[in-house]
Protein backbone atom coordinates (compact mmCIF):
# COMPACT_ATOMS: atom_id res chain seq x y z
CA UNK A 1 175.97 50.85 90.61
CA UNK A 2 175.85 47.46 92.48
CA UNK A 3 179.08 48.28 94.20
CA UNK A 4 177.78 51.63 95.41
CA UNK A 5 174.54 50.00 96.57
CA UNK A 6 176.62 47.31 98.47
CA UNK A 7 178.60 50.23 100.22
CA UNK A 8 175.28 51.75 101.22
CA UNK A 9 174.09 48.49 102.66
CA UNK A 10 177.27 48.05 104.64
CA UNK A 11 176.81 51.66 105.98
CA UNK A 12 173.17 50.65 106.93
CA UNK A 13 174.76 48.22 109.35
CA UNK A 14 176.59 51.09 111.07
CA UNK A 15 173.84 53.78 110.74
CA UNK A 16 170.65 51.87 110.44
CA UNK A 17 168.11 54.75 110.81
CA UNK A 18 170.12 57.10 108.59
CA UNK A 19 170.11 54.48 105.76
CA UNK A 20 166.48 53.52 106.16
CA UNK A 21 165.53 55.40 102.83
CA UNK A 22 167.74 52.82 100.97
CA UNK A 23 165.86 49.95 102.55
CA UNK A 24 162.58 51.58 101.65
CA UNK A 25 163.80 52.02 98.10
CA UNK A 26 164.87 48.38 97.97
CA UNK A 27 161.39 47.42 99.18
CA UNK A 28 159.69 49.58 96.61
CA UNK A 29 161.51 48.57 93.48
CA UNK A 30 161.58 44.95 94.25
CA UNK A 31 157.92 44.88 95.05
CA UNK A 32 157.06 46.75 91.90
CA UNK A 33 159.20 44.32 89.75
CA UNK A 34 157.52 41.23 91.37
CA UNK A 35 154.09 42.74 90.79
CA UNK A 36 154.50 44.20 87.27
CA UNK A 37 156.95 41.75 85.77
CA UNK A 38 157.15 38.42 87.54
CA UNK A 39 153.57 37.93 88.62
CA UNK A 40 152.10 38.40 85.09
CA UNK A 41 154.67 36.01 83.68
CA UNK A 42 154.03 33.51 86.31
CA UNK A 43 150.29 33.64 85.92
CA UNK A 44 150.60 33.22 82.23
CA UNK A 45 153.04 30.29 82.43
CA UNK A 46 155.73 32.20 80.45
CA UNK A 47 158.27 32.48 83.25
CA UNK A 48 161.71 31.14 82.25
CA UNK A 49 164.47 29.93 84.58
CA UNK A 50 166.37 33.13 84.65
CA UNK A 51 163.27 35.21 85.56
CA UNK A 52 162.40 32.66 88.22
CA UNK A 53 165.78 33.01 89.83
CA UNK A 54 165.58 36.72 89.87
CA UNK A 55 161.93 36.41 91.31
CA UNK A 56 163.15 34.07 94.13
CA UNK A 57 166.06 36.51 94.99
CA UNK A 58 163.58 39.34 95.12
CA UNK A 59 161.26 37.47 97.41
CA UNK A 60 163.59 38.20 100.39
CA UNK A 61 161.68 41.60 100.56
CA UNK A 62 158.97 39.64 102.49
CA UNK A 63 161.24 40.02 105.53
CA UNK A 64 161.61 43.79 105.13
CA UNK A 65 158.12 44.87 106.47
CA UNK A 66 158.94 43.01 109.74
CA UNK A 67 162.33 44.77 110.35
CA UNK A 68 161.47 48.32 109.29
CA UNK A 69 160.67 50.51 112.27
CA UNK A 70 157.35 51.81 110.89
CA UNK A 71 156.65 54.17 113.86
CA UNK A 72 159.90 55.96 112.94
CA UNK A 73 159.06 55.97 109.20
CA UNK A 74 155.75 57.60 109.92
CA UNK A 75 157.00 60.06 112.49
CA UNK A 76 159.98 61.19 110.50
CA UNK A 77 159.00 60.86 106.81
CA UNK A 78 155.21 61.28 106.83
CA UNK A 79 154.19 63.51 109.80
CA UNK A 80 157.30 65.58 110.22
CA UNK A 81 157.25 68.90 108.35
CA UNK A 82 159.91 69.22 105.69
CA UNK A 83 162.66 71.84 105.53
CA UNK A 84 162.03 75.10 103.73
CA UNK A 85 163.69 75.07 100.27
CA UNK A 86 164.53 78.79 100.42
């Protein structure tokens, strides 16, 4: 799975707007993990070194909101009508 994700990330360098859903997925799952797993452990003082390493690695998502073209996201994923299924 990680190799496939790495390939998608490399493709994102060549086709950044087409691979934007992968970046949004990355933002979503890392944010959820930090909020639902790491934050409660950190607040309660039960975070071990392994979880701390993972949390620090996930904190790179703080950069994502600044590099995502939000106008494009809103125009193409939220406002644009979807294709018909049938």
